[in-house]
Amino acid sequence: MGAGVARVSIQGANSTSPSEPGIKHFDSRPDASATAFAIQFKAGLKGEVARNLLLFAEYRHLSLNPTQYTFGETLRPHLPTDPGR
């Protein structure tokens, strides 16, 4: 078992839902990162099948706390976040 901090990164985010023609919510910064509390559990089995043959199986469970990202304006009237739009 282990616990710590995980770094979560998003690169090239793209708005696909809700679909609004001509509106891209991630114009300002399509990249972001955040930190979250992480915990991991591991369990494994190892056994000798034959004289020179070992069998090993492992299970891992990783859990991360939720993260939040704010990329650009999403409220009407959809204020521009990029002068190129």
PDB file of N, CA and C in Angstrom:
ATOM      1  N   MET A   1       0.848  -1.169   0.000  1.00  0.00           N
ATOM      2  CA  MET A   1       0.000   0.000   0.000  1.00  0.00           C
ATOM      3  C   MET A   1       0.895   1.234   0.000  1.00  0.00           C
ATOM      4  N   GLY A   2       0.469   2.247  -0.726  1.00  0.00           N
ATOM      5  CA  GLY A   2       1.219   3.490  -0.773  1.00  0.00           C
ATOM      6  C   GLY A   2       0.283   4.667  -0.933  1.00  0.00           C
ATOM      7  N   ALA A   3       0.723   5.814  -0.468  1.00  0.00           N
ATOM      8  CA  ALA A   3      -0.071   7.036  -0.587  1.00  0.00           C
ATOM      9  C   ALA A   3       0.863   8.180  -0.942  1.00  0.00           C
ATOM     10  N   GLY A   4       0.341   9.164  -1.654  1.00  0.00           N
ATOM     11  CA  GLY A   4       1.157  10.306  -2.028  1.00  0.00           C
ATOM     12  C   GLY A   4       0.373  11.295  -2.846  1.00  0.00           C
ATOM     13  N   VAL A   5       1.104  12.048  -3.646  1.00  0.00           N
ATOM     14  CA  VAL A   5       0.511  13.067  -4.502  1.00  0.00           C
ATOM     15  C   VAL A   5       0.774  12.689  -5.949  1.00  0.00           C
ATOM     16  N   ALA A   6      -0.262  12.781  -6.786  1.00  0.00           N
ATOM     17  CA  ALA A   6      -0.139  12.497  -8.211  1.00  0.00           C
ATOM     18  C   ALA A   6      -0.275  13.792  -8.995  1.00  0.00           C
ATOM     19  N   ARG A   7       0.477  13.925 -10.065  1.00  0.00           N
ATOM     20  CA  ARG A   7       0.379  15.075 -10.971  1.00  0.00           C
ATOM     21  C   ARG A   7      -0.427  14.628 -12.180  1.00  0.00           C
ATOM     22  N   VAL A   8      -1.561  15.281 -12.439  1.00  0.00           N
ATOM     23  CA  VAL A   8      -2.445  14.945 -13.552  1.00  0.00           C
ATOM     24  C   VAL A   8      -2.344  16.058 -14.585  1.00  0.00           C
ATOM     25  N   SER A   9      -2.053  15.697 -15.857  1.00  0.00           N
ATOM     26  CA  SER A   9      -1.893  16.691 -16.926  1.00  0.00           C
ATOM     27  C   SER A   9      -2.872  16.438 -18.060  1.00  0.00           C
ATOM     28  N   ILE A  10      -3.365  17.524 -18.641  1.00  0.00           N
ATOM     29  CA  ILE A  10      -4.220  17.476 -19.833  1.00  0.00           C
ATOM     30  C   ILE A  10      -3.533  18.325 -20.892  1.00  0.00           C
ATOM     31  N   GLN A  11      -3.383  17.772 -22.092  1.00  0.00           N
ATOM     32  CA  GLN A  11      -2.788  18.522 -23.192  1.00  0.00           C
ATOM     33  C   GLN A  11      -3.689  18.463 -24.418  1.00  0.00           C
ATOM     34  N   GLY A  12      -3.901  19.612 -25.042  1.00  0.00           N
ATOM     35  CA  GLY A  12      -4.710  19.687 -26.255  1.00  0.00           C
ATOM     36  C   GLY A  12      -6.185  19.422 -26.008  1.00  0.00           C
ATOM     37  N   ALA A  13      -6.736  19.923 -24.896  1.00  0.00           N
ATOM     38  CA  ALA A  13      -8.152  19.700 -24.584  1.00  0.00           C
ATOM     39  C   ALA A  13      -9.028  20.244 -25.707  1.00  0.00           C
ATOM     40  N   ASN A  14     -10.101  19.541 -25.982  1.00  0.00           N
ATOM     41  CA  ASN A  14     -11.010  19.919 -27.051  1.00  0.00           C
ATOM     42  C   ASN A  14     -12.442  19.770 -26.550  1.00  0.00           C
ATOM     43  N   SER A  15     -13.282  20.764 -26.790  1.00  0.00           N
ATOM     44  CA  SER A  15     -14.672  20.721 -26.355  1.00  0.00           C
ATOM     45  C   SER A  15     -15.504  19.940 -27.361  1.00  0.00           C
ATOM     46  N   THR A  16     -16.083  18.828 -26.926  1.00  0.00           N
ATOM     47  CA  THR A  16     -16.921  18.032 -27.820  1.00  0.00           C
ATOM     48  C   THR A  16     -18.356  17.928 -27.312  1.00  0.00           C
ATOM     49  N   SER A  17     -18.594  18.271 -26.065  1.00  0.00           N
ATOM     50  CA  SER A  17     -19.939  18.181 -25.511  1.00  0.00           C
ATOM     51  C   SER A  17     -20.124  19.318 -24.513  1.00  0.00           C
ATOM     52  N   PRO A  18     -21.107  20.146 -24.552  1.00  0.00           N
ATOM     53  CA  PRO A  18     -22.179  20.128 -25.535  1.00  0.00           C
ATOM     54  C   PRO A  18     -21.719  20.681 -26.878  1.00  0.00           C
ATOM     55  N   SER A  19     -22.317  20.172 -27.911  1.00  0.00           N
ATOM     56  CA  SER A  19     -21.950  20.593 -29.256  1.00  0.00           C
ATOM     57  C   SER A  19     -22.634  21.915 -29.595  1.00  0.00           C
ATOM     58  N   GLU A  20     -21.833  22.967 -29.732  1.00  0.00           N
ATOM     59  CA  GLU A  20     -22.354  24.281 -30.106  1.00  0.00           C
ATOM     60  C   GLU A  20     -21.564  24.757 -31.312  1.00  0.00           C
ATOM     61  N   PRO A  21     -22.194  24.886 -32.462  1.00  0.00           N
ATOM     62  CA  PRO A  21     -21.481  25.300 -33.671  1.00  0.00           C
ATOM     63  C   PRO A  21     -20.737  26.618 -33.487  1.00  0.00           C
ATOM     64  N   GLY A  22     -19.478  26.635 -33.852  1.00  0.00           N
ATOM     65  CA  GLY A  22     -18.676  27.848 -33.806  1.00  0.00           C
ATOM     66  C   GLY A  22     -18.131  28.206 -32.433  1.00  0.00           C
ATOM     67  N   ILE A  23     -18.392  27.407 -31.413  1.00  0.00           N
ATOM     68  CA  ILE A  23     -17.928  27.715 -30.061  1.00  0.00           C
ATOM     69  C   ILE A  23     -16.917  26.656 -29.623  1.00  0.00           C
ATOM     70  N   LYS A  24     -15.737  27.126 -29.234  1.00  0.00           N
ATOM     71  CA  LYS A  24     -14.716  26.245 -28.651  1.00  0.00           C
ATOM     72  C   LYS A  24     -14.442  26.774 -27.256  1.00  0.00           C
ATOM     73  N   HIS A  25     -14.771  26.022 -26.242  1.00  0.00           N
ATOM     74  CA  HIS A  25     -14.607  26.479 -24.868  1.00  0.00           C
ATOM     75  C   HIS A  25     -13.161  26.478 -24.400  1.00  0.00           C
ATOM     76  N   PHE A  26     -12.274  25.785 -25.075  1.00  0.00           N
ATOM     77  CA  PHE A  26     -10.900  25.657 -24.617  1.00  0.00           C
ATOM     78  C   PHE A  26      -9.936  26.484 -25.458  1.00  0.00           C
ATOM     79  N   ASP A  27     -10.403  27.610 -26.028  1.00  0.00           N
ATOM     80  CA  ASP A  27      -9.539  28.441 -26.864  1.00  0.00           C
ATOM     81  C   ASP A  27      -8.365  29.038 -26.095  1.00  0.00           C
ATOM     82  N   SER A  28      -8.591  29.413 -24.844  1.00  0.00           N
ATOM     83  CA  SER A  28      -7.568  30.174 -24.135  1.00  0.00           C
ATOM     84  C   SER A  28      -6.338  29.345 -23.802  1.00  0.00           C
ATOM     85  N   ARG A  29      -6.508  28.198 -23.177  1.00  0.00           N
ATOM     86  CA  ARG A  29      -5.382  27.345 -22.796  1.00  0.00           C
ATOM     87  C   ARG A  29      -5.835  25.893 -22.884  1.00  0.00           C
ATOM     88  N   PRO A  30      -5.480  25.170 -23.916  1.00  0.00           N
ATOM     89  CA  PRO A  30      -5.915  23.775 -24.015  1.00  0.00           C
ATOM     90  C   PRO A  30      -5.079  22.823 -23.164  1.00  0.00           C
ATOM     91  N   ASP A  31      -4.092  23.339 -22.413  1.00  0.00           N
ATOM     92  CA  ASP A  31      -3.252  22.512 -21.554  1.00  0.00           C
ATOM     93  C   ASP A  31      -3.441  22.933 -20.107  1.00  0.00           C
ATOM     94  N   ALA A  32      -3.445  21.976 -19.199  1.00  0.00           N
ATOM     95  CA  ALA A  32      -3.565  22.279 -17.777  1.00  0.00           C
ATOM     96  C   ALA A  32      -3.027  21.108 -16.969  1.00  0.00           C
ATOM     97  N   SER A  33      -2.728  21.362 -15.714  1.00  0.00           N
ATOM     98  CA  SER A  33      -2.303  20.287 -14.821  1.00  0.00           C
ATOM     99  C   SER A  33      -2.771  20.603 -13.406  1.00  0.00           C
ATOM    100  N   ALA A  34      -2.859  19.562 -12.604  1.00  0.00           N
ATOM    101  CA  ALA A  34      -3.296  19.704 -11.219  1.00  0.00           C
ATOM    102  C   ALA A  34      -2.668  18.591 -10.395  1.00  0.00           C
ATOM    103  N   THR A  35      -2.704  18.747  -9.092  1.00  0.00           N
ATOM    104  CA  THR A  35      -2.225  17.699  -8.203  1.00  0.00           C
ATOM    105  C   THR A  35      -3.408  17.118  -7.450  1.00  0.00           C
ATOM    106  N   ALA A  36      -3.294  15.845  -7.091  1.00  0.00           N
ATOM    107  CA  ALA A  36      -4.372  15.166  -6.383  1.00  0.00           C
ATOM    108  C   ALA A  36      -3.776  14.138  -5.426  1.00  0.00           C
ATOM    109  N   PHE A  37      -4.486  13.865  -4.359  1.00  0.00           N
ATOM    110  CA  PHE A  37      -4.083  12.811  -3.430  1.00  0.00           C
ATOM    111  C   PHE A  37      -4.263  11.466  -4.118  1.00  0.00           C
ATOM    112  N   ALA A  38      -3.293  10.582  -3.982  1.00  0.00           N
ATOM    113  CA  ALA A  38      -3.348   9.268  -4.626  1.00  0.00           C
ATOM    114  C   ALA A  38      -3.056   8.177  -3.602  1.00  0.00           C
ATOM    115  N   ILE A  39      -3.723   7.045  -3.768  1.00  0.00           N
ATOM    116  CA  ILE A  39      -3.462   5.882  -2.923  1.00  0.00           C
ATOM    117  C   ILE A  39      -3.460   4.642  -3.810  1.00  0.00           C
ATOM    118  N   GLN A  40      -2.558   3.725  -3.522  1.00  0.00           N
ATOM    119  CA  GLN A  40      -2.412   2.521  -4.344  1.00  0.00           C
ATOM    120  C   GLN A  40      -2.309   1.293  -3.438  1.00  0.00           C
ATOM    121  N   PHE A  41      -3.044   0.264  -3.821  1.00  0.00           N
ATOM    122  CA  PHE A  41      -2.980  -1.027  -3.138  1.00  0.00           C
ATOM    123  C   PHE A  41      -2.424  -2.060  -4.102  1.00  0.00           C
ATOM    124  N   LYS A  42      -1.582  -2.955  -3.604  1.00  0.00           N
ATOM    125  CA  LYS A  42      -1.020  -4.025  -4.424  1.00  0.00           C
ATOM    126  C   LYS A  42      -1.144  -5.350  -3.690  1.00  0.00           C
ATOM    127  N   ALA A  43      -1.338  -6.416  -4.466  1.00  0.00           N
ATOM    128  CA  ALA A  43      -1.332  -7.768  -3.926  1.00  0.00           C
ATOM    129  C   ALA A  43      -0.763  -8.687  -4.996  1.00  0.00           C
ATOM    130  N   GLY A  44       0.006  -9.657  -4.592  1.00  0.00           N
ATOM    131  CA  GLY A  44       0.605 -10.557  -5.575  1.00  0.00           C
ATOM    132  C   GLY A  44       0.755 -11.964  -5.034  1.00  0.00           C
ATOM    133  N   LEU A  45       0.845 -12.903  -5.966  1.00  0.00           N
ATOM    134  CA  LEU A  45       1.067 -14.313  -5.663  1.00  0.00           C
ATOM    135  C   LEU A  45       2.213 -14.824  -6.518  1.00  0.00           C
ATOM    136  N   LYS A  46       3.046 -15.656  -5.932  1.00  0.00           N
ATOM    137  CA  LYS A  46       4.139 -16.276  -6.692  1.00  0.00           C
ATOM    138  C   LYS A  46       4.186 -17.740  -6.287  1.00  0.00           C
ATOM    139  N   GLY A  47       4.302 -18.587  -7.283  1.00  0.00           N
ATOM    140  CA  GLY A  47       4.366 -20.021  -6.993  1.00  0.00           C
ATOM    141  C   GLY A  47       5.231 -20.749  -7.994  1.00  0.00           C
ATOM    142  N   GLU A  48       5.849 -21.813  -7.543  1.00  0.00           N
ATOM    143  CA  GLU A  48       6.691 -22.632  -8.424  1.00  0.00           C
ATOM    144  C   GLU A  48       5.813 -23.665  -9.109  1.00  0.00           C
ATOM    145  N   VAL A  49       5.781 -23.603 -10.445  1.00  0.00           N
ATOM    146  CA  VAL A  49       4.982 -24.533 -11.239  1.00  0.00           C
ATOM    147  C   VAL A  49       5.802 -25.776 -11.553  1.00  0.00           C
ATOM    148  N   ALA A  50       7.054 -25.593 -11.907  1.00  0.00           N
ATOM    149  CA  ALA A  50       7.983 -26.693 -12.193  1.00  0.00           C
ATOM    150  C   ALA A  50       9.345 -26.287 -11.643  1.00  0.00           C
ATOM    151  N   ARG A  51      10.337 -27.152 -11.809  1.00  0.00           N
ATOM    152  CA  ARG A  51      11.658 -26.903 -11.222  1.00  0.00           C
ATOM    153  C   ARG A  51      12.240 -25.544 -11.607  1.00  0.00           C
ATOM    154  N   ASN A  52      12.143 -25.144 -12.857  1.00  0.00           N
ATOM    155  CA  ASN A  52      12.679 -23.864 -13.335  1.00  0.00           C
ATOM    156  C   ASN A  52      11.591 -22.931 -13.868  1.00  0.00           C
ATOM    157  N   LEU A  53      10.388 -23.068 -13.349  1.00  0.00           N
ATOM    158  CA  LEU A  53       9.278 -22.247 -13.842  1.00  0.00           C
ATOM    159  C   LEU A  53       8.481 -21.691 -12.660  1.00  0.00           C
ATOM    160  N   LEU A  54       8.472 -20.368 -12.558  1.00  0.00           N
ATOM    161  CA  LEU A  54       7.692 -19.687 -11.526  1.00  0.00           C
ATOM    162  C   LEU A  54       6.526 -18.960 -12.169  1.00  0.00           C
ATOM    163  N   LEU A  55       5.415 -18.913 -11.483  1.00  0.00           N
ATOM    164  CA  LEU A  55       4.236 -18.188 -11.953  1.00  0.00           C
ATOM    165  C   LEU A  55       3.998 -17.036 -10.975  1.00  0.00           C
ATOM    166  N   PHE A  56       3.809 -15.837 -11.528  1.00  0.00           N
ATOM    167  CA  PHE A  56       3.601 -14.652 -10.700  1.00  0.00           C
ATOM    168  C   PHE A  56       2.385 -13.895 -11.207  1.00  0.00           C
ATOM    169  N   ALA A  57       1.516 -13.494 -10.313  1.00  0.00           N
ATOM    170  CA  ALA A  57       0.341 -12.684 -10.656  1.00  0.00           C
ATOM    171  C   ALA A  57       0.271 -11.515  -9.677  1.00  0.00           C
ATOM    172  N   GLU A  58      -0.111 -10.340 -10.195  1.00  0.00           N
ATOM    173  CA  GLU A  58      -0.174  -9.153  -9.363  1.00  0.00           C
ATOM    174  C   GLU A  58      -1.449  -8.375  -9.676  1.00  0.00           C
ATOM    175  N   TYR A  59      -2.031  -7.772  -8.642  1.00  0.00           N
ATOM    176  CA  TYR A  59      -3.192  -6.899  -8.801  1.00  0.00           C
ATOM    177  C   TYR A  59      -2.836  -5.536  -8.215  1.00  0.00           C
ATOM    178  N   ARG A  60      -3.176  -4.480  -8.935  1.00  0.00           N
ATOM    179  CA  ARG A  60      -2.956  -3.113  -8.459  1.00  0.00           C
ATOM    180  C   ARG A  60      -4.255  -2.330  -8.574  1.00  0.00           C
ATOM    181  N   HIS A  61      -4.513  -1.516  -7.560  1.00  0.00           N
ATOM    182  CA  HIS A  61      -5.653  -0.611  -7.603  1.00  0.00           C
ATOM    183  C   HIS A  61      -5.137   0.786  -7.273  1.00  0.00           C
ATOM    184  N   LEU A  62      -5.331   1.725  -8.185  1.00  0.00           N
ATOM    185  CA  LEU A  62      -4.889   3.107  -8.007  1.00  0.00           C
ATOM    186  C   LEU A  62      -6.120   4.000  -7.920  1.00  0.00           C
ATOM    187  N   SER A  63      -6.186   4.821  -6.907  1.00  0.00           N
ATOM    188  CA  SER A  63      -7.310   5.736  -6.716  1.00  0.00           C
ATOM    189  C   SER A  63      -6.772   7.157  -6.597  1.00  0.00           C
ATOM    190  N   LEU A  64      -7.345   8.083  -7.391  1.00  0.00           N
ATOM    191  CA  LEU A  64      -6.963   9.500  -7.365  1.00  0.00           C
ATOM    192  C   LEU A  64      -8.164  10.338  -6.953  1.00  0.00           C
ATOM    193  N   ASN A  65      -7.932  11.339  -6.137  1.00  0.00           N
ATOM    194  CA  ASN A  65      -8.995  12.296  -5.823  1.00  0.00           C
ATOM    195  C   ASN A  65      -9.344  13.090  -7.080  1.00  0.00           C
ATOM    196  N   PRO A  66     -10.567  13.596  -7.191  1.00  0.00           N
ATOM    197  CA  PRO A  66     -10.965  14.388  -8.362  1.00  0.00           C
ATOM    198  C   PRO A  66     -10.137  15.669  -8.509  1.00  0.00           C
ATOM    199  N   THR A  67      -9.985  16.116  -9.756  1.00  0.00           N
ATOM    200  CA  THR A  67      -9.301  17.372 -10.055  1.00  0.00           C
ATOM    201  C   THR A  67     -10.261  18.263 -10.834  1.00  0.00           C
ATOM    202  N   GLN A  68      -9.992  19.565 -10.848  1.00  0.00           N
ATOM    203  CA  GLN A  68     -10.831  20.518 -11.577  1.00  0.00           C
ATOM    204  C   GLN A  68      -9.961  21.394 -12.458  1.00  0.00           C
ATOM    205  N   TYR A  69     -10.490  21.753 -13.638  1.00  0.00           N
ATOM    206  CA  TYR A  69      -9.781  22.598 -14.582  1.00  0.00           C
ATOM    207  C   TYR A  69     -10.725  23.676 -15.093  1.00  0.00           C
ATOM    208  N   THR A  70     -10.239  24.898 -15.240  1.00  0.00           N
ATOM    209  CA  THR A  70     -11.012  25.980 -15.832  1.00  0.00           C
ATOM    210  C   THR A  70     -10.222  26.477 -17.037  1.00  0.00           C
ATOM    211  N   PHE A  71     -10.766  26.292 -18.229  1.00  0.00           N
ATOM    212  CA  PHE A  71     -10.048  26.627 -19.453  1.00  0.00           C
ATOM    213  C   PHE A  71     -10.484  27.947 -20.064  1.00  0.00           C
ATOM    214  N   GLY A  72     -11.752  28.252 -20.066  1.00  0.00           N
ATOM    215  CA  GLY A  72     -12.218  29.472 -20.719  1.00  0.00           C
ATOM    216  C   GLY A  72     -13.669  29.748 -20.386  1.00  0.00           C
ATOM    217  N   GLU A  73     -14.196  30.799 -20.944  1.00  0.00           N
ATOM    218  CA  GLU A  73     -15.573  31.220 -20.695  1.00  0.00           C
ATOM    219  C   GLU A  73     -16.551  30.197 -21.244  1.00  0.00           C
ATOM    220  N   THR A  74     -17.512  29.775 -20.425  1.00  0.00           N
ATOM    221  CA  THR A  74     -18.528  28.831 -20.894  1.00  0.00           C
ATOM    222  C   THR A  74     -19.944  29.364 -20.689  1.00  0.00           C
ATOM    223  N   LEU A  75     -20.063  30.555 -20.095  1.00  0.00           N
ATOM    224  CA  LEU A  75     -21.388  31.135 -19.890  1.00  0.00           C
ATOM    225  C   LEU A  75     -21.767  32.038 -21.060  1.00  0.00           C
ATOM    226  N   ARG A  76     -23.037  32.071 -21.370  1.00  0.00           N
ATOM    227  CA  ARG A  76     -23.494  32.951 -22.452  1.00  0.00           C
ATOM    228  C   ARG A  76     -23.215  34.387 -22.083  1.00  0.00           C
ATOM    229  N   PRO A  77     -22.848  35.245 -22.964  1.00  0.00           N
ATOM    230  CA  PRO A  77     -22.878  35.150 -24.421  1.00  0.00           C
ATOM    231  C   PRO A  77     -21.595  34.600 -25.025  1.00  0.00           C
ATOM    232  N   HIS A  78     -20.884  33.713 -24.388  1.00  0.00           N
ATOM    233  CA  HIS A  78     -19.656  33.100 -24.885  1.00  0.00           C
ATOM    234  C   HIS A  78     -18.625  34.159 -25.263  1.00  0.00           C
ATOM    235  N   LEU A  79     -18.159  34.827 -24.264  1.00  0.00           N
ATOM    236  CA  LEU A  79     -17.154  35.860 -24.482  1.00  0.00           C
ATOM    237  C   LEU A  79     -15.896  35.248 -25.071  1.00  0.00           C
ATOM    238  N   PRO A  80     -15.273  35.898 -26.029  1.00  0.00           N
ATOM    239  CA  PRO A  80     -14.068  35.315 -26.660  1.00  0.00           C
ATOM    240  C   PRO A  80     -12.920  35.210 -25.675  1.00  0.00           C
ATOM    241  N   THR A  81     -12.196  34.093 -25.741  1.00  0.00           N
ATOM    242  CA  THR A  81     -11.030  33.881 -24.894  1.00  0.00           C
ATOM    243  C   THR A  81      -9.759  33.919 -25.709  1.00  0.00           C
ATOM    244  N   ASP A  82      -9.882  34.017 -27.025  1.00  0.00           N
ATOM    245  CA  ASP A  82      -8.736  34.040 -27.922  1.00  0.00           C
ATOM    246  C   ASP A  82      -9.021  35.086 -29.008  1.00  0.00           C
ATOM    247  N   PRO A  83      -8.153  36.102 -29.176  1.00  0.00           N
ATOM    248  CA  PRO A  83      -8.429  37.124 -30.167  1.00  0.00           C
ATOM    249  C   PRO A  83      -8.476  36.585 -31.594  1.00  0.00           C
ATOM    250  N   GLY A  84      -7.989  35.381 -31.842  1.00  0.00           N
ATOM    251  CA  GLY A  84      -8.011  34.802 -33.189  1.00  0.00           C
ATOM    252  C   GLY A  84      -9.338  34.171 -33.560  1.00  0.00           C
ATOM    253  N   ARG A  85     -10.300  34.148 -32.651  1.00  0.00           N
ATOM    254  CA  ARG A  85     -11.544  33.466 -32.945  1.00  0.00           C
ATOM    255  C   ARG A  85     -12.478  34.343 -33.715  1.00  0.00           C
TER     256      ARG A  85
END
